[in-house]
N, C-alpha and C. Protein backbone atom coordinates (compact mmCIF):
# COMPACT_ATOMS: atom_id res chain seq x y z
N UNK A 1 62.36 117.94 104.36
CA UNK A 1 61.03 118.03 103.80
C UNK A 1 60.95 117.09 102.54
N UNK A 2 60.10 116.27 102.67
CA UNK A 2 59.79 115.33 101.62
C UNK A 2 59.13 116.07 100.48
N UNK A 3 59.28 115.77 99.18
CA UNK A 3 58.47 116.11 98.15
C UNK A 3 57.95 114.99 97.33
N UNK A 4 56.61 114.83 97.34
CA UNK A 4 55.89 113.69 96.48
C UNK A 4 54.90 114.39 95.71
N UNK A 5 54.82 113.97 94.23
CA UNK A 5 53.86 114.46 93.52
C UNK A 5 53.17 113.24 92.70
N UNK A 6 51.89 113.12 92.26
CA UNK A 6 51.32 112.35 91.48
C UNK A 6 51.55 112.64 90.01
N UNK A 7 52.43 112.14 89.29
CA UNK A 7 52.85 112.31 88.01
C UNK A 7 51.44 111.64 87.15
N UNK A 8 50.94 112.25 86.29
CA UNK A 8 49.74 111.76 85.33
C UNK A 8 50.22 111.88 83.99
N UNK A 9 49.81 111.20 83.25
CA UNK A 9 49.87 111.31 81.66
C UNK A 9 48.66 112.02 81.19
N UNK A 10 49.12 113.37 80.59
CA UNK A 10 48.12 113.97 80.39
C UNK A 10 47.15 113.75 79.22
N UNK A 11 47.75 113.07 78.08
CA UNK A 11 46.98 112.46 76.88
C UNK A 11 45.82 111.54 77.32
N UNK A 12 46.41 110.61 78.14
CA UNK A 12 45.35 109.57 78.41
C UNK A 12 44.48 110.29 79.54
N UNK A 13 44.78 111.24 80.23
CA UNK A 13 43.75 111.69 81.09
C UNK A 13 42.56 112.58 80.48
N UNK A 14 43.07 113.36 79.30
CA UNK A 14 42.03 113.82 78.61
C UNK A 14 41.43 112.75 77.54
N UNK A 15 41.82 111.52 77.79
CA UNK A 15 40.80 110.58 76.86
C UNK A 15 40.10 109.79 78.18
N UNK A 16 39.94 110.17 79.19
CA UNK A 16 39.34 109.74 80.33
C UNK A 16 39.88 108.68 80.99
N UNK A 17 41.36 108.38 80.86
CA UNK A 17 42.19 107.39 81.57
C UNK A 17 43.11 107.95 82.53
N UNK A 18 42.91 107.46 83.76
CA UNK A 18 43.76 107.92 84.85
C UNK A 18 45.04 106.91 84.75
N UNK A 19 46.18 107.52 84.14
CA UNK A 19 47.36 106.94 84.34
C UNK A 19 48.65 107.66 84.89
N UNK A 20 49.04 107.08 86.07
CA UNK A 20 49.93 108.05 86.75
C UNK A 20 50.37 107.24 88.00
N UNK A 21 51.39 108.04 88.76
CA UNK A 21 51.91 107.47 89.85
C UNK A 21 52.58 108.26 90.86
N UNK A 22 52.69 107.82 92.29
CA UNK A 22 53.18 108.88 93.08
C UNK A 22 54.75 108.65 92.87
N UNK A 23 55.45 109.83 93.01
CA UNK A 23 56.84 109.74 92.77
C UNK A 23 57.32 110.63 94.02
N UNK A 24 58.54 110.10 94.75
CA UNK A 24 59.23 111.06 95.62
C UNK A 24 60.35 111.47 94.91
N UNK A 25 60.69 112.92 94.95
CA UNK A 25 61.57 113.75 94.56
C UNK A 25 63.01 113.76 95.37
N UNK A 26 63.99 113.94 94.98
CA UNK A 26 64.47 113.92 93.49
C UNK A 26 64.63 112.38 93.08
N UNK A 27 64.48 112.37 91.73
CA UNK A 27 64.53 111.03 90.79
C UNK A 27 65.49 111.20 89.94
N UNK A 28 66.38 110.14 89.37
CA UNK A 28 67.45 110.06 88.36
C UNK A 28 66.74 109.94 87.09
N UNK A 29 67.69 110.21 86.16
CA UNK A 29 67.11 110.22 84.62
C UNK A 29 66.83 108.75 84.28
N UNK A 30 67.26 107.63 84.81
CA UNK A 30 66.92 106.25 84.81
C UNK A 30 65.45 106.28 85.42
N UNK A 31 65.42 106.57 86.54
CA UNK A 31 64.11 106.64 87.33
C UNK A 31 63.00 107.16 86.53
N UNK A 32 63.29 108.22 85.90
CA UNK A 32 62.33 109.28 85.14
C UNK A 32 61.83 108.45 83.92
N UNK A 33 62.89 107.91 83.14
CA UNK A 33 62.55 107.01 82.13
C UNK A 33 61.71 105.81 82.28
N UNK A 34 61.97 105.02 83.55
CA UNK A 34 61.22 103.84 84.05
C UNK A 34 59.64 104.37 84.18
N UNK A 35 59.56 105.59 84.99
CA UNK A 35 58.26 106.19 85.15
C UNK A 35 57.34 106.61 84.00
N UNK A 36 58.16 107.02 83.12
CA UNK A 36 57.60 107.40 81.78
C UNK A 36 57.10 106.33 81.12
N UNK A 37 57.76 105.02 81.00
CA UNK A 37 57.37 103.89 80.62
C UNK A 37 56.13 103.19 81.28
N UNK A 38 56.19 103.20 82.60
CA UNK A 38 55.13 102.85 83.31
C UNK A 38 53.83 103.67 83.16
N UNK A 39 54.00 104.76 83.03
CA UNK A 39 52.51 105.57 83.04
C UNK A 39 52.38 106.00 81.47
N UNK A 40 53.13 105.29 80.39
CA UNK A 40 52.78 105.41 78.98
C UNK A 40 52.88 106.79 78.54
N UNK A 41 54.22 107.44 78.97
CA UNK A 41 54.31 108.74 78.24
C UNK A 41 55.54 108.13 76.97
N UNK A 42 54.93 108.58 75.72
CA UNK A 42 55.54 108.19 74.62
C UNK A 42 55.36 109.19 73.50
N UNK A 43 55.61 108.79 72.21
CA UNK A 43 55.66 109.74 71.29
C UNK A 43 54.11 110.21 71.07
N UNK A 44 53.14 109.29 71.33
CA UNK A 44 51.73 109.55 71.28
C UNK A 44 51.14 110.43 72.39
N UNK A 45 51.53 110.25 73.50
CA UNK A 45 51.31 111.07 74.71
C UNK A 45 52.52 111.32 75.56
N UNK A 46 53.04 112.57 75.14
CA UNK A 46 54.31 112.79 75.48
C UNK A 46 54.19 113.82 76.67
N UNK A 47 52.86 114.45 76.93
CA UNK A 47 52.82 115.43 78.08
C UNK A 47 52.45 114.81 79.41
N UNK A 48 52.81 115.18 80.50
CA UNK A 48 52.52 114.86 81.90
C UNK A 48 52.26 116.16 82.62
N UNK A 49 51.42 115.97 83.77
CA UNK A 49 51.09 116.91 84.85
C UNK A 49 51.09 116.45 85.99
N UNK A 50 51.28 117.03 87.09
CA UNK A 50 51.08 116.88 88.56
C UNK A 50 49.59 116.98 88.88
N UNK A 51 49.13 116.05 89.36
CA UNK A 51 47.69 115.98 89.64
C UNK A 51 47.43 116.03 91.28
N UNK A 52 48.58 115.98 92.18
CA UNK A 52 48.45 116.22 93.57
C UNK A 52 50.20 116.22 93.96
N UNK A 53 50.03 116.79 95.00
CA UNK A 53 51.35 116.80 95.86
C UNK A 53 50.94 116.46 97.37
N UNK A 54 52.17 115.87 97.88
CA UNK A 54 52.27 115.44 99.51
C UNK A 54 53.51 116.12 99.66
N UNK A 55 53.38 117.08 100.67
CA UNK A 55 54.50 117.68 101.43
C UNK A 55 54.28 118.50 102.50
N UNK A 56 55.18 118.90 103.19
CA UNK A 56 55.15 119.81 104.20
C UNK A 56 54.77 121.25 104.09
N UNK A 57 55.04 121.55 102.94
CA UNK A 57 54.57 123.00 102.09
C UNK A 57 53.57 122.79 100.96
N UNK A 58 53.01 123.96 100.88
CA UNK A 58 52.03 123.88 99.55
C UNK A 58 52.70 124.04 98.20
N UNK A 59 52.95 122.96 97.65
CA UNK A 59 53.55 122.92 96.49
C UNK A 59 52.57 123.12 95.07
N UNK A 60 51.18 122.88 95.33
CA UNK A 60 50.25 122.99 94.42
C UNK A 60 50.19 124.49 94.30
N UNK A 61 50.01 125.16 95.10
CA UNK A 61 49.92 126.86 95.03
C UNK A 61 51.20 127.46 94.35
N UNK A 62 52.34 126.86 94.96
CA UNK A 62 53.55 127.34 94.17
C UNK A 62 53.63 127.08 92.73
N UNK A 63 53.43 125.77 92.55
CA UNK A 63 53.95 125.34 91.08
C UNK A 63 52.69 124.94 90.23
N UNK A 64 51.51 124.78 90.96
CA UNK A 64 50.45 124.38 90.07
C UNK A 64 50.59 122.79 89.37
N UNK A 65 50.13 122.54 88.27
CA UNK A 65 49.98 121.28 87.56
C UNK A 65 51.16 120.97 86.75
N UNK A 66 51.63 122.15 86.00
CA UNK A 66 52.47 121.86 84.87
C UNK A 66 53.95 122.28 85.24
N UNK A 67 54.66 121.96 86.59
CA UNK A 67 55.88 122.21 86.85
C UNK A 67 56.74 120.97 86.13
N UNK A 68 57.82 121.19 85.97
CA UNK A 68 58.67 120.23 85.27
C UNK A 68 59.29 119.09 86.27
N UNK A 69 59.56 118.03 85.75
CA UNK A 69 60.43 117.04 86.68
C UNK A 69 61.71 117.68 87.18
N UNK A 70 62.19 118.27 86.17
CA UNK A 70 63.40 118.77 86.38
C UNK A 70 63.48 120.03 87.52
N UNK A 71 62.44 120.71 87.61
CA UNK A 71 62.19 121.71 88.65
C UNK A 71 62.00 120.94 89.85
N UNK A 72 61.00 120.10 89.94
CA UNK A 72 61.02 119.31 91.51
C UNK A 72 62.30 118.76 91.67
N UNK A 73 63.20 118.03 90.81
CA UNK A 73 64.26 117.51 91.21
C UNK A 73 65.19 118.62 91.88
N UNK A 74 65.27 119.73 91.27
CA UNK A 74 66.10 120.93 91.76
C UNK A 74 65.64 121.36 93.06
N UNK A 75 64.22 121.34 93.27
CA UNK A 75 63.72 121.99 94.55
C UNK A 75 63.81 121.06 95.48
N UNK A 76 63.70 119.65 95.14
CA UNK A 76 64.05 118.59 96.25
C UNK A 76 65.37 118.51 96.66
N UNK A 77 66.42 118.64 95.90
CA UNK A 77 67.89 118.69 96.25
C UNK A 77 68.12 119.95 96.90
N UNK A 78 67.66 121.02 96.76
CA UNK A 78 67.71 122.30 97.55
C UNK A 78 67.25 121.98 99.06
N UNK A 79 66.15 121.63 99.15
CA UNK A 79 65.59 121.35 100.54
C UNK A 79 66.31 120.17 101.17
N UNK A 80 66.81 119.17 100.60
CA UNK A 80 67.44 118.23 101.30
C UNK A 80 68.80 118.62 101.59
N UNK A 81 69.37 119.66 101.11
CA UNK A 81 70.66 120.04 101.43
C UNK A 81 70.60 121.29 102.53
N UNK A 82 69.39 121.57 103.06
CA UNK A 82 69.24 122.37 104.21
C UNK A 82 69.61 121.75 105.50
N UNK A 83 70.19 122.48 106.37
CA UNK A 83 70.46 121.92 107.69
C UNK A 83 68.95 122.34 108.52
N UNK A 84 68.81 121.94 109.61
CA UNK A 84 67.82 121.95 110.60
C UNK A 84 67.52 123.41 110.67
N UNK A 85 68.52 124.27 110.80
CA UNK A 85 68.03 125.63 111.19
C UNK A 85 67.46 126.31 109.81
N UNK A 86 68.28 126.11 108.83
CA UNK A 86 67.58 126.78 107.56
C UNK A 86 66.51 126.26 107.12
N UNK A 87 66.06 124.97 107.40
CA UNK A 87 64.68 124.36 107.15
C UNK A 87 63.77 125.18 107.97
N UNK A 88 63.95 125.40 109.23
CA UNK A 88 63.00 126.36 109.93
C UNK A 88 63.01 127.71 109.54
N UNK A 89 63.93 128.10 109.00
CA UNK A 89 63.78 129.52 108.48
C UNK A 89 62.93 129.69 107.24
N UNK A 90 63.22 128.68 106.35
CA UNK A 90 62.41 128.65 105.20
C UNK A 90 60.98 128.39 105.45
N UNK A 91 60.70 127.67 106.50
CA UNK A 91 59.30 127.23 106.98
C UNK A 91 58.68 128.66 107.61
N UNK A 92 59.45 129.23 108.36
CA UNK A 92 59.14 130.82 109.04
C UNK A 92 58.71 131.48 107.95
N UNK A 93 59.55 131.81 107.00
CA UNK A 93 59.34 132.74 105.87
C UNK A 93 58.11 132.31 105.18
N UNK A 94 57.99 130.98 104.77
CA UNK A 94 56.68 130.60 104.20
C UNK A 94 55.31 130.93 104.98
N UNK A 95 55.46 131.01 106.15
CA UNK A 95 54.45 131.15 107.04
C UNK A 95 53.91 132.58 107.11
N UNK A 96 54.75 133.59 106.49
CA UNK A 96 54.64 134.76 106.42
C UNK A 96 54.59 135.29 104.96
N UNK A 97 53.81 134.51 104.11
CA UNK A 97 53.76 134.98 102.64
C UNK A 97 54.79 135.09 101.78
N UNK A 98 56.18 134.32 102.14
CA UNK A 98 56.92 134.21 101.17
C UNK A 98 56.65 132.87 100.18
N UNK A 99 56.91 132.77 99.14
CA UNK A 99 56.82 131.58 98.48
C UNK A 99 57.90 130.78 98.69
N UNK A 100 58.00 129.64 98.00
CA UNK A 100 58.93 128.79 98.44
C UNK A 100 60.30 128.93 97.91
N UNK A 101 60.45 129.64 96.56
CA UNK A 101 61.73 129.72 95.93
C UNK A 101 62.07 131.11 96.64
N UNK A 102 61.46 132.15 96.83
CA UNK A 102 61.91 133.37 97.51
C UNK A 102 62.39 132.98 99.11
N UNK A 103 61.83 132.06 99.55
CA UNK A 103 62.09 131.66 101.14
C UNK A 103 63.43 131.08 101.06
N UNK A 104 63.70 130.00 100.18
CA UNK A 104 65.08 129.55 100.13
C UNK A 104 66.08 130.48 99.61
N UNK A 105 65.78 131.49 98.91
CA UNK A 105 66.61 132.53 98.54
C UNK A 105 67.19 133.45 99.51
N UNK A 106 65.85 133.71 100.41
CA UNK A 106 66.33 134.77 101.58
C UNK A 106 66.81 134.07 102.73
N UNK A 107 66.79 132.79 102.82
CA UNK A 107 67.12 132.28 104.14
C UNK A 107 68.54 132.86 104.75
N UNK A 108 69.50 133.14 104.06
CA UNK A 108 70.77 133.59 104.29
C UNK A 108 70.73 135.09 105.11
N UNK A 109 69.66 135.70 104.72
CA UNK A 109 69.31 136.98 105.32
C UNK A 109 68.60 137.20 106.55
N UNK A 110 68.68 135.98 107.26
CA UNK A 110 67.48 136.05 108.39
C UNK A 110 68.53 135.70 109.66
N UNK A 111 68.11 136.58 110.77
CA UNK A 111 68.53 136.27 112.05
C UNK A 111 67.58 135.74 112.89
N UNK A 112 67.94 134.70 113.41
CA UNK A 112 67.21 133.86 114.38
C UNK A 112 67.51 134.21 115.78
N UNK A 113 66.20 134.67 116.62
CA UNK A 113 66.33 134.94 118.11
C UNK A 113 65.77 133.51 118.86
N UNK A 114 66.51 132.43 118.93
CA UNK A 114 65.98 131.29 119.43
C UNK A 114 65.26 131.64 120.93
N UNK A 115 64.12 131.07 121.05
CA UNK A 115 63.49 131.01 122.39
C UNK A 115 62.71 132.34 122.56
N UNK A 116 62.78 133.32 121.65
CA UNK A 116 61.97 134.54 122.04
C UNK A 116 60.65 134.54 121.08
N UNK A 117 59.80 134.98 122.01
CA UNK A 117 58.13 134.96 121.69
C UNK A 117 57.53 136.10 121.64
N UNK A 118 58.54 137.26 121.87
CA UNK A 118 57.98 138.58 122.03
C UNK A 118 58.95 139.51 121.73
N UNK A 119 58.59 140.62 121.23
CA UNK A 119 59.68 141.68 120.79
C UNK A 119 60.33 142.26 121.99
N UNK A 120 59.80 142.19 123.20
CA UNK A 120 60.55 142.39 124.41
C UNK A 120 61.71 141.49 124.51
N UNK A 121 61.53 140.36 124.47
CA UNK A 121 62.51 139.19 124.52
C UNK A 121 63.40 139.34 123.43
N UNK A 122 63.18 139.83 121.97
CA UNK A 122 63.95 139.92 121.04
C UNK A 122 64.82 141.38 121.51
N UNK A 123 64.31 142.31 122.00
CA UNK A 123 65.15 143.52 122.24
C UNK A 123 66.16 143.22 123.49
N UNK A 124 65.83 142.18 124.19
CA UNK A 124 66.73 141.93 125.44
C UNK A 124 68.06 141.02 124.93
N UNK A 125 67.60 140.16 123.95
CA UNK A 125 68.73 139.22 123.36
C UNK A 125 69.55 140.28 122.39
N UNK A 126 68.97 141.05 121.73
CA UNK A 126 69.75 141.94 120.80
C UNK A 126 70.60 143.03 121.65
N UNK A 127 70.41 143.44 122.69
CA UNK A 127 70.87 144.25 123.51
C UNK A 127 72.27 143.56 124.21
N UNK A 128 71.98 142.44 124.41
CA UNK A 128 72.95 141.59 125.01
C UNK A 128 73.91 141.15 124.02
N UNK A 129 73.38 140.70 122.90
CA UNK A 129 74.60 140.31 121.84
C UNK A 129 75.52 141.84 121.29
N UNK A 130 74.78 142.73 121.14
CA UNK A 130 75.68 143.89 120.54
C UNK A 130 76.21 144.80 121.98
N UNK A 131 75.96 144.21 122.87
CA UNK A 131 76.61 144.89 124.25
C UNK A 131 75.86 146.50 124.34
N UNK A 132 74.82 146.52 124.20
CA UNK A 132 73.95 147.89 124.03
C UNK A 132 74.15 148.50 125.50
N UNK A 133 74.15 147.89 126.44
CA UNK A 133 74.09 148.35 127.82
C UNK A 133 75.46 148.13 128.76
N UNK A 134 76.37 147.69 128.05
CA UNK A 134 77.76 147.42 128.79
C UNK A 134 78.19 148.56 129.23
N UNK A 135 78.07 149.62 128.77
CA UNK A 135 78.79 150.97 129.33
C UNK A 135 78.22 151.75 130.51
N UNK A 136 76.81 151.20 130.73
CA UNK A 136 75.87 151.54 131.83
C UNK A 136 76.23 150.85 133.09
N UNK A 137 76.12 151.49 133.95
CA UNK A 137 76.51 150.75 135.46
C UNK A 137 75.42 149.85 135.68
N UNK A 138 75.69 148.78 136.19
CA UNK A 138 74.79 147.37 136.31
C UNK A 138 73.44 148.06 137.20
N UNK A 139 73.46 148.76 138.25
CA UNK A 139 72.50 149.20 138.71
C UNK A 139 71.15 150.17 138.14
N UNK A 140 71.78 150.60 136.95
CA UNK A 140 70.83 151.55 136.11
C UNK A 140 70.47 150.79 135.04
N UNK A 141 70.93 149.76 134.50
CA UNK A 141 70.55 148.72 133.44
C UNK A 141 69.23 148.35 133.68
N UNK A 142 68.56 148.24 134.61
CA UNK A 142 66.99 147.91 135.23
C UNK A 142 65.78 149.02 134.69
N UNK A 143 66.62 150.13 134.36
CA UNK A 143 65.66 150.90 134.08
C UNK A 143 65.58 151.22 132.57
N UNK A 144 66.39 150.30 131.72
CA UNK A 144 66.08 150.52 130.32
C UNK A 144 64.57 149.92 130.05
N UNK A 145 64.01 150.52 129.04
CA UNK A 145 62.44 149.98 128.85
C UNK A 145 62.67 149.07 127.41
N UNK A 146 62.95 147.84 127.66
CA UNK A 146 63.07 146.82 126.73
C UNK A 146 61.58 146.78 125.70
N UNK A 147 60.44 147.00 126.66
CA UNK A 147 59.33 146.77 125.92
C UNK A 147 59.13 147.84 124.92
N UNK A 148 59.69 149.24 124.87
CA UNK A 148 59.50 150.27 124.01
C UNK A 148 60.68 149.93 123.00
N UNK A 149 61.88 149.59 123.41
CA UNK A 149 62.70 149.39 122.51
C UNK A 149 62.18 148.17 121.59
N UNK A 150 61.54 147.19 121.99
CA UNK A 150 61.39 146.06 121.19
C UNK A 150 60.35 146.71 120.22
N UNK A 151 59.31 147.52 120.75
CA UNK A 151 58.30 148.03 119.96
C UNK A 151 58.88 148.70 118.68
N UNK A 152 59.81 149.60 119.04
CA UNK A 152 60.55 150.36 118.07
C UNK A 152 61.19 149.56 117.14
N UNK A 153 61.95 148.38 117.53
CA UNK A 153 62.58 147.56 116.48
C UNK A 153 61.46 147.03 115.81
N UNK A 154 60.39 146.57 116.04
CA UNK A 154 59.33 145.98 115.30
C UNK A 154 58.84 146.94 114.14
N UNK A 155 59.02 148.50 114.36
CA UNK A 155 58.51 149.32 113.31
C UNK A 155 59.82 149.40 112.30
N UNK A 156 60.73 149.23 112.63
CA UNK A 156 61.96 149.24 111.66
C UNK A 156 62.34 147.88 110.84
N UNK A 157 61.76 146.88 111.15
CA UNK A 157 62.30 145.77 110.67
C UNK A 157 61.16 144.51 110.25
N UNK A 158 61.42 143.50 109.80
CA UNK A 158 60.34 142.48 109.61
C UNK A 158 60.67 141.23 110.53
N UNK A 159 59.80 141.11 111.34
CA UNK A 159 60.05 140.04 112.44
C UNK A 159 58.96 138.89 112.34
N UNK A 160 59.28 137.80 112.37
CA UNK A 160 58.26 136.86 112.08
C UNK A 160 58.37 135.78 113.50
N UNK A 161 57.65 135.47 114.02
CA UNK A 161 57.49 134.71 115.44
C UNK A 161 56.97 133.31 114.53
N UNK A 162 57.59 132.22 114.89
CA UNK A 162 57.39 131.11 114.33
C UNK A 162 57.91 129.91 115.34
N UNK A 163 56.93 129.01 115.64
CA UNK A 163 57.56 127.78 116.25
C UNK A 163 58.37 127.97 117.78
N UNK A 164 58.07 129.17 118.40
CA UNK A 164 58.75 129.56 119.54
C UNK A 164 59.86 130.31 119.28
N UNK A 165 60.44 130.65 118.12
CA UNK A 165 61.42 131.47 117.79
C UNK A 165 61.25 132.94 116.96
N UNK A 166 61.95 133.82 117.16
CA UNK A 166 61.95 135.03 116.23
C UNK A 166 62.80 134.85 115.19
N UNK A 167 62.23 135.47 113.81
CA UNK A 167 63.06 135.53 112.71
C UNK A 167 63.11 136.79 112.06
N UNK A 168 64.31 137.43 112.40
CA UNK A 168 64.38 138.88 111.83
C UNK A 168 64.75 138.70 110.13
N UNK A 169 64.16 139.41 109.48
CA UNK A 169 64.40 139.35 107.92
C UNK A 169 65.16 140.57 107.59
N UNK A 170 66.41 140.40 107.25
CA UNK A 170 67.21 141.54 106.99
C UNK A 170 67.05 142.07 105.47
N UNK A 171 67.02 143.26 105.14
CA UNK A 171 66.71 143.91 103.77
C UNK A 171 68.12 143.86 103.07
């Protein structure tokens, strides 16, 4: 996930002059110094704000205009360090009303049921994983009601269906 923000000189903006540029995060201290020089952040105009964002996620709602460059660098580093599965988990959590920081913090507390698009499929996968029906003779296993079991599982946990998979959020 890439994070871009339009960094704008606040003092000049208040004077009616739009002076800013698009930045892809993370940036180094040297890149930040060069940016500030280009957008005229100095002793007279020392404040900046984010006018817009471009990202796969809604950063404006999460951080608004006055997030620091340090915070965006930290966030970009965290997002860049995610593997593909963790990235999908974060996206799934955010699709279910988690904000970005909470989704990143919660990603390790999620069980993924790949290819499961219903609670019945989740129940079947769970039963297989834990060996729930292993002690029952094969010819009797067909009588187990996975539909009802899946419904009961949904009452007891938080399950998010996103992108063809199911994500169980553990408490």
